[in-house]
Amino acid sequence: MIAINLLPEALRKKDERVNLLAGLPIKRGAILCVIVFFGLQILGTIGAFYLSAHFTWMKAEASRLKEANKSIASWKLATVLIKKKKEKAAETIQRPFLWSALINALSDSVTKGVWLKNFSVTQNGKTAALKLEGSVVGKGEETAYAGKFIKELKDNMLFGELFSAIELKTINQKRIKDIDVYDFVILCTFKKGQR
């Protein structure tokens, strides 16, 4: 069925539906599509440059953080070393005797002809000992001088309090030019709880 509307344009009933594309010519639509396409291309390029710049910044930031991490690691190591030294100092302070008093008593006990070269604390299982190393020089009286030195150590009041045994471990003779020299090692075993 064909409907013919003979009413003038102004009086005709208008269609409520709006067709947006009806007023647009094809040329305008194509130009609009091209503009949208290039706009998206420009936005994509800007986004790619932004991501590239951000990635470069992140790499630089990561290398800066690595350097900072090295610095932090060195500070941490220094802190650990200081903490160990502090613990050693606290351990030394809490000892039942002072090393200065022990060294003074050792100095007072040294007799004629005796030269101390080294002293150290050695650990043998659960027992600790003060190891004294030195030399004795004398004209034929070297062993007597070593014996006097050991007697002086045993007679010293502080050594008597700290050590359960004071004994000569080794004595070796050597000759330097025309002089006989005897190298000795004396072990002073600490009493329990005295180290």
N, C-alpha and C. Protein backbone atom coordinates (compact mmCIF):
# COMPACT_ATOMS: atom_id res chain seq x y z
N MET A 1 0.84 -1.16 0.00
CA MET A 1 0.00 0.00 0.00
C MET A 1 0.89 1.23 0.00
N ILE A 2 0.50 2.15 -0.81
CA ILE A 2 1.25 3.37 -0.98
C ILE A 2 0.45 4.47 -0.32
N ALA A 3 1.14 5.27 0.50
CA ALA A 3 0.47 6.38 1.16
C ALA A 3 1.00 7.66 0.56
N ILE A 4 0.08 8.51 0.16
CA ILE A 4 0.47 9.79 -0.42
C ILE A 4 -0.01 10.86 0.54
N ASN A 5 0.91 11.71 0.89
CA ASN A 5 0.59 12.79 1.82
C ASN A 5 0.56 14.08 1.02
N LEU A 6 -0.63 14.68 0.91
CA LEU A 6 -0.80 15.86 0.09
C LEU A 6 -0.77 17.14 0.90
N LEU A 7 -0.52 17.05 2.16
CA LEU A 7 -0.46 18.24 3.02
C LEU A 7 0.83 19.00 2.74
N PRO A 8 0.78 20.33 2.90
CA PRO A 8 2.02 21.08 2.73
C PRO A 8 3.04 20.68 3.80
N GLU A 9 4.31 20.98 3.54
CA GLU A 9 5.41 20.56 4.41
C GLU A 9 5.21 21.04 5.83
N ALA A 10 4.79 22.23 6.02
CA ALA A 10 4.67 22.81 7.35
C ALA A 10 3.62 22.10 8.17
N LEU A 11 2.58 21.54 7.54
CA LEU A 11 1.49 20.91 8.27
C LEU A 11 1.68 19.41 8.43
N ARG A 12 2.59 18.88 7.76
CA ARG A 12 2.78 17.43 7.84
C ARG A 12 3.27 17.02 9.23
N LYS A 13 2.92 15.83 9.61
CA LYS A 13 3.35 15.26 10.88
C LYS A 13 4.80 14.79 10.73
N LYS A 14 5.66 15.28 11.63
CA LYS A 14 7.08 14.96 11.52
C LYS A 14 7.36 13.63 12.21
N ASP A 15 8.35 12.91 11.66
CA ASP A 15 8.76 11.63 12.24
C ASP A 15 9.60 11.92 13.49
N GLU A 16 9.25 11.28 14.57
CA GLU A 16 9.92 11.51 15.86
C GLU A 16 11.36 10.97 15.85
N ARG A 17 11.63 9.99 15.08
CA ARG A 17 12.97 9.42 15.05
C ARG A 17 13.92 10.36 14.32
N VAL A 18 15.11 10.52 14.92
CA VAL A 18 16.10 11.42 14.34
C VAL A 18 17.20 10.56 13.73
N ASN A 19 17.54 10.83 12.54
CA ASN A 19 18.62 10.12 11.87
C ASN A 19 19.80 11.07 11.81
N LEU A 20 20.82 10.78 12.59
CA LEU A 20 21.98 11.67 12.67
C LEU A 20 22.78 11.67 11.38
N LEU A 21 22.87 10.54 10.76
CA LEU A 21 23.70 10.44 9.58
C LEU A 21 23.01 10.97 8.33
N ALA A 22 21.73 11.19 8.41
CA ALA A 22 21.00 11.62 7.21
C ALA A 22 21.46 12.98 6.74
N GLY A 23 21.82 13.85 7.67
CA GLY A 23 22.23 15.19 7.29
C GLY A 23 23.69 15.27 6.89
N LEU A 24 24.44 14.26 7.17
CA LEU A 24 25.87 14.29 6.87
C LEU A 24 26.14 13.76 5.48
N PRO A 25 26.89 14.49 4.76
CA PRO A 25 27.26 13.94 3.47
C PRO A 25 28.41 12.93 3.65
N ILE A 26 28.68 12.14 2.70
CA ILE A 26 29.70 11.09 2.73
C ILE A 26 31.08 11.71 2.93
N LYS A 27 31.35 12.84 2.32
CA LYS A 27 32.65 13.48 2.43
C LYS A 27 32.95 13.84 3.88
N ARG A 28 31.97 14.40 4.54
CA ARG A 28 32.16 14.78 5.95
C ARG A 28 32.45 13.55 6.80
N GLY A 29 31.78 12.49 6.58
CA GLY A 29 31.98 11.25 7.34
C GLY A 29 33.39 10.70 7.16
N ALA A 30 33.85 10.74 5.92
CA ALA A 30 35.20 10.24 5.64
C ALA A 30 36.24 11.12 6.31
N ILE A 31 36.06 12.44 6.24
CA ILE A 31 37.00 13.36 6.88
C ILE A 31 37.00 13.15 8.38
N LEU A 32 35.82 12.97 8.95
CA LEU A 32 35.70 12.73 10.39
C LEU A 32 36.44 11.44 10.78
N CYS A 33 36.29 10.41 9.98
CA CYS A 33 36.98 9.14 10.27
C CYS A 33 38.50 9.32 10.20
N VAL A 34 38.96 10.07 9.19
CA VAL A 34 40.39 10.30 9.05
C VAL A 34 40.92 11.11 10.24
N ILE A 35 40.17 12.13 10.66
CA ILE A 35 40.58 12.95 11.80
C ILE A 35 40.66 12.10 13.07
N VAL A 36 39.64 11.27 13.28
CA VAL A 36 39.64 10.38 14.47
C VAL A 36 40.83 9.42 14.40
N PHE A 37 41.09 8.86 13.22
CA PHE A 37 42.20 7.92 13.05
C PHE A 37 43.53 8.59 13.39
N PHE A 38 43.77 9.79 12.80
CA PHE A 38 45.03 10.49 13.07
C PHE A 38 45.11 10.95 14.53
N GLY A 39 44.00 11.34 15.10
CA GLY A 39 43.99 11.71 16.52
C GLY A 39 44.41 10.54 17.39
N LEU A 40 43.87 9.36 17.05
CA LEU A 40 44.26 8.16 17.81
C LEU A 40 45.75 7.84 17.60
N GLN A 41 46.24 8.04 16.37
CA GLN A 41 47.66 7.82 16.09
C GLN A 41 48.53 8.76 16.92
N ILE A 42 48.13 10.04 16.97
CA ILE A 42 48.89 11.01 17.75
C ILE A 42 48.87 10.65 19.23
N LEU A 43 47.71 10.28 19.74
CA LEU A 43 47.61 9.87 21.15
C LEU A 43 48.47 8.63 21.41
N GLY A 44 48.46 7.68 20.48
CA GLY A 44 49.28 6.48 20.64
C GLY A 44 50.77 6.80 20.64
N THR A 45 51.19 7.72 19.76
CA THR A 45 52.60 8.12 19.70
C THR A 45 53.00 8.84 20.98
N ILE A 46 52.16 9.75 21.44
CA ILE A 46 52.44 10.46 22.70
C ILE A 46 52.53 9.46 23.85
N GLY A 47 51.61 8.50 23.88
CA GLY A 47 51.64 7.47 24.93
C GLY A 47 52.91 6.64 24.86
N ALA A 48 53.36 6.30 23.62
CA ALA A 48 54.59 5.52 23.47
C ALA A 48 55.80 6.31 23.96
N PHE A 49 55.87 7.61 23.60
CA PHE A 49 56.97 8.45 24.09
C PHE A 49 56.94 8.56 25.61
N TYR A 50 55.75 8.71 26.16
CA TYR A 50 55.62 8.81 27.62
C TYR A 50 56.11 7.52 28.28
N LEU A 51 55.67 6.37 27.75
CA LEU A 51 56.09 5.09 28.33
C LEU A 51 57.61 4.90 28.19
N SER A 52 58.17 5.31 27.05
CA SER A 52 59.61 5.20 26.85
C SER A 52 60.36 6.08 27.85
N ALA A 53 59.90 7.32 28.01
CA ALA A 53 60.54 8.23 28.97
C ALA A 53 60.39 7.70 30.39
N HIS A 54 59.22 7.16 30.71
CA HIS A 54 58.99 6.61 32.04
C HIS A 54 59.89 5.39 32.28
N PHE A 55 60.05 4.55 31.26
CA PHE A 55 60.91 3.38 31.38
C PHE A 55 62.37 3.80 31.60
N THR A 56 62.82 4.82 30.87
CA THR A 56 64.18 5.33 31.05
C THR A 56 64.37 5.89 32.45
N TRP A 57 63.38 6.62 32.93
CA TRP A 57 63.44 7.16 34.29
C TRP A 57 63.49 6.04 35.32
N MET A 58 62.68 4.98 35.09
CA MET A 58 62.67 3.85 36.02
C MET A 58 64.03 3.15 36.05
N LYS A 59 64.68 3.01 34.87
CA LYS A 59 66.01 2.39 34.84
C LYS A 59 67.02 3.24 35.61
N ALA A 60 66.96 4.55 35.41
CA ALA A 60 67.87 5.45 36.14
C ALA A 60 67.61 5.38 37.64
N GLU A 61 66.35 5.33 38.01
CA GLU A 61 65.98 5.24 39.43
C GLU A 61 66.45 3.91 40.02
N ALA A 62 66.33 2.82 39.24
CA ALA A 62 66.79 1.51 39.71
C ALA A 62 68.30 1.50 39.93
N SER A 63 69.06 2.11 39.00
CA SER A 63 70.52 2.16 39.19
C SER A 63 70.88 3.03 40.39
N ARG A 64 70.14 4.13 40.60
CA ARG A 64 70.39 4.97 41.77
C ARG A 64 70.10 4.19 43.06
N LEU A 65 69.03 3.41 43.05
CA LEU A 65 68.70 2.61 44.23
C LEU A 65 69.74 1.52 44.48
N LYS A 66 70.31 0.96 43.40
CA LYS A 66 71.37 -0.04 43.57
C LYS A 66 72.58 0.58 44.26
N GLU A 67 72.94 1.79 43.84
CA GLU A 67 74.06 2.49 44.48
C GLU A 67 73.74 2.78 45.94
N ALA A 68 72.52 3.21 46.19
CA ALA A 68 72.11 3.48 47.58
C ALA A 68 72.14 2.19 48.39
N ASN A 69 71.75 1.08 47.76
CA ASN A 69 71.75 -0.21 48.45
C ASN A 69 73.17 -0.63 48.81
N LYS A 70 74.14 -0.35 47.90
CA LYS A 70 75.54 -0.66 48.22
C LYS A 70 75.99 0.15 49.43
N SER A 71 75.62 1.41 49.44
CA SER A 71 75.98 2.27 50.57
C SER A 71 75.35 1.76 51.86
N ILE A 72 74.09 1.37 51.77
CA ILE A 72 73.39 0.84 52.95
C ILE A 72 74.05 -0.46 53.42
N ALA A 73 74.44 -1.31 52.46
CA ALA A 73 75.09 -2.57 52.83
C ALA A 73 76.42 -2.31 53.53
N SER A 74 77.17 -1.32 53.05
CA SER A 74 78.44 -1.02 53.72
C SER A 74 78.20 -0.46 55.12
N TRP A 75 77.17 0.38 55.26
CA TRP A 75 76.83 0.89 56.60
C TRP A 75 76.40 -0.25 57.51
N LYS A 76 75.64 -1.19 56.95
CA LYS A 76 75.17 -2.32 57.76
C LYS A 76 76.36 -3.16 58.21
N LEU A 77 77.32 -3.39 57.31
CA LEU A 77 78.51 -4.16 57.68
C LEU A 77 79.30 -3.43 58.76
N ALA A 78 79.44 -2.12 58.60
CA ALA A 78 80.15 -1.33 59.62
C ALA A 78 79.42 -1.41 60.96
N THR A 79 78.09 -1.38 60.92
CA THR A 79 77.30 -1.48 62.14
C THR A 79 77.50 -2.84 62.81
N VAL A 80 77.54 -3.90 62.00
CA VAL A 80 77.76 -5.24 62.55
C VAL A 80 79.14 -5.32 63.21
N LEU A 81 80.16 -4.75 62.55
CA LEU A 81 81.51 -4.77 63.12
C LEU A 81 81.57 -3.98 64.42
N ILE A 82 80.92 -2.83 64.45
CA ILE A 82 80.90 -2.03 65.67
C ILE A 82 80.17 -2.77 66.78
N LYS A 83 79.09 -3.46 66.41
CA LYS A 83 78.33 -4.22 67.41
C LYS A 83 79.21 -5.34 68.00
N LYS A 84 79.99 -6.01 67.14
CA LYS A 84 80.88 -7.07 67.64
C LYS A 84 81.94 -6.49 68.57
N LYS A 85 82.49 -5.33 68.19
CA LYS A 85 83.49 -4.68 69.05
C LYS A 85 82.87 -4.29 70.38
N LYS A 86 81.63 -3.82 70.33
CA LYS A 86 80.93 -3.42 71.56
C LYS A 86 80.72 -4.64 72.46
N GLU A 87 80.34 -5.78 71.85
CA GLU A 87 80.15 -7.00 72.64
C GLU A 87 81.47 -7.45 73.26
N LYS A 88 82.57 -7.35 72.49
CA LYS A 88 83.88 -7.72 73.03
C LYS A 88 84.26 -6.81 74.19
N ALA A 89 83.98 -5.52 74.03
CA ALA A 89 84.29 -4.56 75.10
C ALA A 89 83.46 -4.87 76.33
N ALA A 90 82.17 -5.18 76.13
CA ALA A 90 81.30 -5.51 77.27
C ALA A 90 81.79 -6.78 77.95
N GLU A 91 82.24 -7.74 77.15
CA GLU A 91 82.77 -8.99 77.73
C GLU A 91 84.03 -8.71 78.54
N THR A 92 84.88 -7.83 78.02
CA THR A 92 86.12 -7.48 78.72
C THR A 92 85.82 -6.76 80.03
N ILE A 93 84.85 -5.87 79.99
CA ILE A 93 84.49 -5.10 81.19
C ILE A 93 83.91 -6.01 82.27
N GLN A 94 83.18 -7.04 81.86
CA GLN A 94 82.52 -7.92 82.83
C GLN A 94 83.43 -9.01 83.37
N ARG A 95 84.67 -9.05 82.95
CA ARG A 95 85.60 -10.06 83.46
C ARG A 95 85.87 -9.83 84.94
N PRO A 96 86.20 -10.90 85.66
CA PRO A 96 86.46 -10.74 87.09
C PRO A 96 87.81 -10.08 87.39
N PHE A 97 88.61 -9.81 86.38
CA PHE A 97 89.89 -9.13 86.60
C PHE A 97 90.11 -8.13 85.48
N LEU A 98 91.02 -7.22 85.71
CA LEU A 98 91.37 -6.25 84.69
C LEU A 98 92.68 -6.67 84.03
N TRP A 99 92.73 -6.54 82.73
CA TRP A 99 93.95 -6.90 82.03
C TRP A 99 95.12 -6.02 82.45
N SER A 100 94.83 -4.78 82.78
CA SER A 100 95.93 -3.90 83.20
C SER A 100 96.57 -4.42 84.49
N ALA A 101 95.74 -4.93 85.40
CA ALA A 101 96.29 -5.49 86.65
C ALA A 101 97.11 -6.75 86.35
N LEU A 102 96.63 -7.56 85.41
CA LEU A 102 97.35 -8.78 85.05
C LEU A 102 98.70 -8.44 84.40
N ILE A 103 98.70 -7.46 83.51
CA ILE A 103 99.95 -7.06 82.86
C ILE A 103 100.91 -6.44 83.87
N ASN A 104 100.38 -5.69 84.81
CA ASN A 104 101.23 -5.11 85.87
C ASN A 104 101.85 -6.22 86.72
N ALA A 105 101.05 -7.23 87.09
CA ALA A 105 101.57 -8.35 87.87
C ALA A 105 102.61 -9.12 87.08
N LEU A 106 102.38 -9.28 85.78
CA LEU A 106 103.34 -9.97 84.92
C LEU A 106 104.65 -9.18 84.84
N SER A 107 104.53 -7.88 84.71
CA SER A 107 105.72 -7.01 84.66
C SER A 107 106.50 -7.08 85.98
N ASP A 108 105.79 -7.12 87.09
CA ASP A 108 106.45 -7.22 88.40
C ASP A 108 107.17 -8.56 88.58
N SER A 109 106.70 -9.60 87.90
CA SER A 109 107.27 -10.94 88.07
C SER A 109 108.46 -11.21 87.16
N VAL A 110 108.68 -10.38 86.17
CA VAL A 110 109.80 -10.61 85.24
C VAL A 110 111.12 -10.43 85.99
N THR A 111 111.99 -11.43 85.84
CA THR A 111 113.29 -11.42 86.54
C THR A 111 114.42 -11.10 85.57
N LYS A 112 115.62 -11.02 86.12
CA LYS A 112 116.82 -10.70 85.35
C LYS A 112 117.02 -11.74 84.25
N GLY A 113 117.32 -11.27 83.03
CA GLY A 113 117.63 -12.17 81.92
C GLY A 113 116.42 -12.69 81.17
N VAL A 114 115.21 -12.36 81.61
CA VAL A 114 113.99 -12.86 80.96
C VAL A 114 113.43 -11.76 80.05
N TRP A 115 113.12 -12.15 78.82
CA TRP A 115 112.53 -11.24 77.85
C TRP A 115 111.23 -11.86 77.34
N LEU A 116 110.11 -11.19 77.60
CA LEU A 116 108.83 -11.69 77.09
C LEU A 116 108.61 -11.14 75.68
N LYS A 117 108.23 -12.03 74.76
CA LYS A 117 108.00 -11.62 73.37
C LYS A 117 106.51 -11.53 73.05
N ASN A 118 105.72 -12.39 73.67
CA ASN A 118 104.32 -12.46 73.29
C ASN A 118 103.52 -13.10 74.42
N PHE A 119 102.30 -12.65 74.57
CA PHE A 119 101.37 -13.38 75.44
C PHE A 119 100.00 -13.34 74.79
N SER A 120 99.27 -14.46 74.94
CA SER A 120 97.94 -14.56 74.33
C SER A 120 97.11 -15.54 75.14
N VAL A 121 95.80 -15.48 74.94
CA VAL A 121 94.89 -16.41 75.61
C VAL A 121 94.55 -17.50 74.61
N THR A 122 94.76 -18.76 75.00
CA THR A 122 94.44 -19.89 74.14
C THR A 122 93.30 -20.68 74.76
N GLN A 123 92.53 -21.29 73.90
CA GLN A 123 91.38 -22.09 74.34
C GLN A 123 91.66 -23.53 73.98
N ASN A 124 91.60 -24.43 74.96
CA ASN A 124 91.78 -25.85 74.71
C ASN A 124 90.58 -26.57 75.30
N GLY A 125 89.58 -26.81 74.46
CA GLY A 125 88.34 -27.41 74.97
C GLY A 125 87.61 -26.43 75.85
N LYS A 126 87.36 -26.82 77.09
CA LYS A 126 86.64 -25.94 78.02
C LYS A 126 87.59 -25.09 78.86
N THR A 127 88.87 -25.40 78.81
CA THR A 127 89.82 -24.65 79.63
C THR A 127 90.53 -23.60 78.78
N ALA A 128 90.80 -22.48 79.40
CA ALA A 128 91.54 -21.40 78.75
C ALA A 128 92.86 -21.21 79.49
N ALA A 129 93.86 -20.76 78.76
CA ALA A 129 95.17 -20.58 79.37
C ALA A 129 95.83 -19.32 78.82
N LEU A 130 96.62 -18.70 79.67
CA LEU A 130 97.44 -17.57 79.25
C LEU A 130 98.77 -18.15 78.80
N LYS A 131 99.11 -17.92 77.53
CA LYS A 131 100.34 -18.47 76.96
C LYS A 131 101.38 -17.35 76.92
N LEU A 132 102.49 -17.58 77.62
CA LEU A 132 103.58 -16.61 77.67
C LEU A 132 104.75 -17.15 76.86
N GLU A 133 105.23 -16.35 75.91
CA GLU A 133 106.38 -16.75 75.09
C GLU A 133 107.49 -15.74 75.31
N GLY A 134 108.70 -16.26 75.45
CA GLY A 134 109.82 -15.36 75.68
C GLY A 134 111.16 -16.05 75.52
N SER A 135 112.19 -15.33 75.91
CA SER A 135 113.56 -15.86 75.82
C SER A 135 114.29 -15.55 77.12
N VAL A 136 115.27 -16.41 77.42
CA VAL A 136 116.12 -16.22 78.59
C VAL A 136 117.56 -16.14 78.10
N VAL A 137 118.26 -15.11 78.59
CA VAL A 137 119.66 -14.92 78.21
C VAL A 137 120.47 -14.84 79.51
N GLY A 138 121.53 -15.58 79.59
CA GLY A 138 122.39 -15.55 80.77
C GLY A 138 123.64 -16.36 80.52
N LYS A 139 124.66 -16.08 81.25
CA LYS A 139 125.93 -16.77 81.04
C LYS A 139 125.91 -18.10 81.79
N GLY A 140 125.28 -19.10 81.19
CA GLY A 140 125.22 -20.42 81.79
C GLY A 140 124.11 -20.59 82.81
N GLU A 141 123.36 -19.55 83.11
CA GLU A 141 122.32 -19.63 84.13
C GLU A 141 120.92 -19.47 83.52
N GLU A 142 120.76 -19.79 82.26
CA GLU A 142 119.49 -19.55 81.57
C GLU A 142 118.34 -20.33 82.19
N THR A 143 118.56 -21.61 82.48
CA THR A 143 117.47 -22.42 83.06
C THR A 143 117.14 -21.96 84.47
N ALA A 144 118.14 -21.48 85.19
CA ALA A 144 117.88 -20.96 86.54
C ALA A 144 117.03 -19.69 86.46
N TYR A 145 117.32 -18.84 85.48
CA TYR A 145 116.52 -17.62 85.30
C TYR A 145 115.07 -17.96 84.94
N ALA A 146 114.89 -18.97 84.09
CA ALA A 146 113.54 -19.39 83.72
C ALA A 146 112.81 -19.93 84.95
N GLY A 147 113.50 -20.71 85.77
CA GLY A 147 112.90 -21.25 86.99
C GLY A 147 112.52 -20.14 87.96
N LYS A 148 113.39 -19.12 88.11
CA LYS A 148 113.07 -17.99 89.00
C LYS A 148 111.83 -17.25 88.50
N PHE A 149 111.73 -17.09 87.17
CA PHE A 149 110.58 -16.39 86.60
C PHE A 149 109.28 -17.15 86.90
N ILE A 150 109.31 -18.46 86.74
CA ILE A 150 108.11 -19.27 87.03
C ILE A 150 107.78 -19.20 88.52
N LYS A 151 108.80 -19.23 89.38
CA LYS A 151 108.57 -19.12 90.83
C LYS A 151 107.94 -17.78 91.17
N GLU A 152 108.44 -16.69 90.54
CA GLU A 152 107.86 -15.36 90.78
C GLU A 152 106.39 -15.32 90.35
N LEU A 153 106.08 -15.96 89.22
CA LEU A 153 104.68 -16.00 88.76
C LEU A 153 103.80 -16.73 89.77
N LYS A 154 104.29 -17.86 90.28
CA LYS A 154 103.51 -18.64 91.24
C LYS A 154 103.35 -17.91 92.56
N ASP A 155 104.35 -17.12 92.94
CA ASP A 155 104.29 -16.39 94.21
C ASP A 155 103.45 -15.12 94.11
N ASN A 156 103.19 -14.65 92.90
CA ASN A 156 102.40 -13.43 92.71
C ASN A 156 100.96 -13.69 93.14
N MET A 157 100.41 -12.79 93.96
CA MET A 157 99.08 -12.98 94.54
C MET A 157 97.99 -13.03 93.45
N LEU A 158 98.03 -12.11 92.47
CA LEU A 158 97.01 -12.08 91.42
C LEU A 158 97.07 -13.33 90.56
N PHE A 159 98.28 -13.77 90.22
CA PHE A 159 98.41 -14.99 89.43
C PHE A 159 97.89 -16.20 90.21
N GLY A 160 98.09 -16.20 91.53
CA GLY A 160 97.57 -17.28 92.36
C GLY A 160 96.04 -17.31 92.38
N GLU A 161 95.42 -16.12 92.32
CA GLU A 161 93.95 -16.05 92.31
C GLU A 161 93.37 -16.48 90.96
N LEU A 162 94.04 -16.13 89.88
CA LEU A 162 93.48 -16.34 88.54
C LEU A 162 93.79 -17.70 87.94
N PHE A 163 94.94 -18.29 88.27
CA PHE A 163 95.39 -19.48 87.56
C PHE A 163 95.49 -20.68 88.49
N SER A 164 95.05 -21.83 87.97
CA SER A 164 95.13 -23.06 88.75
C SER A 164 96.49 -23.74 88.57
N ALA A 165 97.13 -23.53 87.43
CA ALA A 165 98.44 -24.15 87.18
C ALA A 165 99.28 -23.21 86.34
N ILE A 166 100.57 -23.14 86.69
CA ILE A 166 101.54 -22.37 85.92
C ILE A 166 102.70 -23.32 85.65
N GLU A 167 102.89 -23.68 84.37
CA GLU A 167 103.91 -24.68 84.06
C GLU A 167 104.66 -24.35 82.78
N LEU A 168 105.91 -24.77 82.76
CA LEU A 168 106.77 -24.59 81.60
C LEU A 168 106.43 -25.68 80.59
N LYS A 169 106.02 -25.28 79.39
CA LYS A 169 105.65 -26.27 78.37
C LYS A 169 106.84 -26.66 77.51
N THR A 170 107.55 -25.68 76.99
CA THR A 170 108.71 -25.99 76.15
C THR A 170 109.84 -25.02 76.45
N ILE A 171 111.06 -25.52 76.23
CA ILE A 171 112.24 -24.66 76.30
C ILE A 171 113.21 -25.19 75.24
N ASN A 172 113.66 -24.29 74.37
CA ASN A 172 114.54 -24.67 73.26
C ASN A 172 115.77 -23.76 73.27
N GLN A 173 116.92 -24.39 73.07
CA GLN A 173 118.17 -23.64 73.07
C GLN A 173 118.54 -23.28 71.63
N LYS A 174 119.07 -22.05 71.48
CA LYS A 174 119.64 -21.65 70.20
C LYS A 174 120.84 -20.75 70.49
N ARG A 175 121.66 -20.58 69.52
CA ARG A 175 122.87 -19.79 69.71
C ARG A 175 122.82 -18.61 68.75
N ILE A 176 123.01 -17.43 69.32
CA ILE A 176 123.09 -16.21 68.52
C ILE A 176 124.49 -15.65 68.77
N LYS A 177 125.31 -15.68 67.72
CA LYS A 177 126.74 -15.32 67.81
C LYS A 177 127.39 -16.17 68.90
N ASP A 178 127.87 -15.58 69.98
CA ASP A 178 128.53 -16.34 71.04
C ASP A 178 127.64 -16.52 72.26
N ILE A 179 126.35 -16.19 72.15
CA ILE A 179 125.47 -16.20 73.31
C ILE A 179 124.44 -17.32 73.17
N ASP A 180 124.24 -18.07 74.27
CA ASP A 180 123.18 -19.08 74.31
C ASP A 180 121.88 -18.40 74.69
N VAL A 181 120.84 -18.68 73.90
CA VAL A 181 119.51 -18.12 74.16
C VAL A 181 118.54 -19.28 74.26
N TYR A 182 117.70 -19.25 75.29
CA TYR A 182 116.68 -20.28 75.47
C TYR A 182 115.30 -19.65 75.24
N ASP A 183 114.58 -20.18 74.26
CA ASP A 183 113.19 -19.74 74.02
C ASP A 183 112.27 -20.64 74.82
N PHE A 184 111.29 -20.05 75.49
CA PHE A 184 110.39 -20.84 76.34
C PHE A 184 108.93 -20.49 76.06
N VAL A 185 108.07 -21.42 76.46
CA VAL A 185 106.61 -21.21 76.43
C VAL A 185 106.09 -21.66 77.79
N ILE A 186 105.38 -20.76 78.47
CA ILE A 186 104.77 -21.05 79.77
C ILE A 186 103.26 -20.97 79.61
N LEU A 187 102.55 -21.97 80.12
CA LEU A 187 101.08 -21.96 80.09
C LEU A 187 100.55 -21.76 81.50
N CYS A 188 99.71 -20.75 81.65
CA CYS A 188 99.05 -20.48 82.93
C CYS A 188 97.57 -20.79 82.72
N THR A 189 97.08 -21.87 83.32
CA THR A 189 95.70 -22.31 83.12
C THR A 189 94.77 -21.54 84.05
N PHE A 190 93.74 -20.92 83.45
CA PHE A 190 92.77 -20.15 84.22
C PHE A 190 91.93 -21.07 85.10
N LYS A 191 91.59 -20.58 86.30
CA LYS A 191 90.62 -21.29 87.13
C LYS A 191 89.25 -21.11 86.51
N LYS A 192 88.31 -21.98 86.84
CA LYS A 192 86.96 -21.87 86.27
C LYS A 192 86.33 -20.55 86.68
N GLY A 193 85.73 -19.88 85.69
CA GLY A 193 85.03 -18.62 85.95
C GLY A 193 85.93 -17.41 86.02
N GLN A 194 87.24 -17.58 85.81
CA GLN A 194 88.16 -16.45 85.91
C GLN A 194 88.46 -15.81 84.56
N ARG A 195 88.18 -16.47 83.48
CA ARG A 195 88.51 -15.89 82.17
C ARG A 195 87.46 -14.91 81.76
